[in-house]
């Protein structure tokens, strides 16, 4: 997924039709007000994909950390931990 472009709220309001066309074509924007991010404008349906992708990345990082810290014979059963988390 490409990074979001930053656009001010005034520019968004002034060029709304163009911004919406670009979003429809797959672009995304972070809308700012006085330089502070206030909203992300992304194509419909992309929000869930972004959350899923972020969750998968966090899980992979956690698994790598656990694996790198796990010592032989430590008795940690990753599969059991995952099963417990499904309840």
Protein backbone atom coordinates (compact mmCIF):
# COMPACT_ATOMS: atom_id res chain seq x y z
CA UNK A 1 0.00 0.00 0.00
CA UNK A 2 1.30 3.38 -0.92
CA UNK A 3 1.81 6.08 1.70
CA UNK A 4 -0.89 8.69 2.09
CA UNK A 5 -0.32 12.15 0.65
CA UNK A 6 -0.79 15.11 2.99
CA UNK A 7 -3.35 17.74 2.02
CA UNK A 8 -4.71 20.71 3.99
CA UNK A 9 -8.39 20.96 4.86
CA UNK A 10 -8.80 24.20 2.87
CA UNK A 11 -7.24 22.63 -0.24
CA UNK A 12 -9.42 19.56 0.24
CA UNK A 13 -12.55 21.71 0.41
CA UNK A 14 -11.50 23.83 -2.56
CA UNK A 15 -10.66 20.84 -4.78
CA UNK A 16 -13.05 18.24 -3.35
CA UNK A 17 -14.22 16.84 -6.70
CA UNK A 18 -10.62 16.31 -7.88
CA UNK A 19 -9.58 14.81 -4.53
CA UNK A 20 -12.51 12.37 -4.64
CA UNK A 21 -11.63 11.37 -8.22
CA UNK A 22 -8.07 10.65 -7.12
CA UNK A 23 -9.28 8.63 -4.13
CA UNK A 24 -11.58 6.68 -6.44
CA UNK A 25 -8.52 5.92 -8.57
CA UNK A 26 -6.74 4.44 -5.54
CA UNK A 27 -4.86 7.36 -3.98
CA UNK A 28 -5.11 8.18 -0.29
CA UNK A 29 -4.75 11.41 1.67
CA UNK A 30 -4.12 12.53 5.23
CA UNK A 31 -6.11 15.71 5.72
CA UNK A 32 -4.51 18.27 8.02
CA UNK A 33 -5.80 21.33 9.81
CA UNK A 34 -3.19 23.89 10.82
CA UNK A 35 -0.53 21.29 10.11
CA UNK A 36 -2.04 18.62 12.40
CA UNK A 37 -3.37 15.38 10.86
CA UNK A 38 -7.11 15.07 11.48
CA UNK A 39 -8.37 12.41 9.06
CA UNK A 40 -7.35 9.85 6.47
CA UNK A 41 -9.27 9.73 3.21
CA UNK A 42 -8.79 6.37 1.50
CA UNK A 43 -10.73 4.32 -1.07
CA UNK A 44 -13.73 2.45 0.32
CA UNK A 45 -12.82 -0.99 1.68
CA UNK A 46 -9.15 -0.13 2.10
CA UNK A 47 -9.48 0.61 5.82
CA UNK A 48 -10.10 -3.04 6.69
CA UNK A 49 -7.19 -4.15 4.50
CA UNK A 50 -4.89 -1.63 6.23
CA UNK A 51 -5.96 -2.85 9.69
CA UNK A 52 -5.52 -6.49 8.67
CA UNK A 53 -2.10 -5.80 7.22
CA UNK A 54 -1.01 -3.91 10.34
CA UNK A 55 -2.26 -6.71 12.60
CA UNK A 56 -0.42 -9.33 10.55
CA UNK A 57 2.80 -7.29 10.70
CA UNK A 58 2.52 -6.93 14.49
CA UNK A 59 1.91 -10.66 14.88
CA UNK A 60 4.93 -11.51 12.72
CA UNK A 61 7.14 -9.15 14.74
CA UNK A 62 5.89 -10.69 17.99
CA UNK A 63 6.48 -14.22 16.73
CA UNK A 64 10.01 -13.33 15.63
CA UNK A 65 10.73 -11.78 19.03
CA UNK A 66 9.40 -14.82 20.90
CA UNK A 67 11.31 -17.16 18.61
CA UNK A 68 14.58 -15.24 19.06
CA UNK A 69 14.19 -15.22 22.86
CA UNK A 70 13.06 -18.82 23.13
CA UNK A 71 15.75 -21.12 24.46
CA UNK A 72 15.92 -24.84 23.80
CA UNK A 73 13.88 -26.70 26.39
CA UNK A 74 12.12 -23.56 27.71
CA UNK A 75 8.78 -25.35 27.59
CA UNK A 76 6.94 -22.55 25.76
CA UNK A 77 4.34 -24.00 23.39
CA UNK A 78 3.54 -21.35 20.76
CA UNK A 79 0.64 -23.40 19.36
CA UNK A 80 -0.98 -23.60 22.80
CA UNK A 81 -0.58 -19.85 23.26
CA UNK A 82 -2.23 -19.21 19.89
CA UNK A 83 -5.08 -21.60 20.73
CA UNK A 84 -5.63 -19.79 24.05
CA UNK A 85 -5.83 -16.47 22.20
CA UNK A 86 -8.66 -17.78 20.00
CA UNK A 87 -11.11 -18.13 22.90
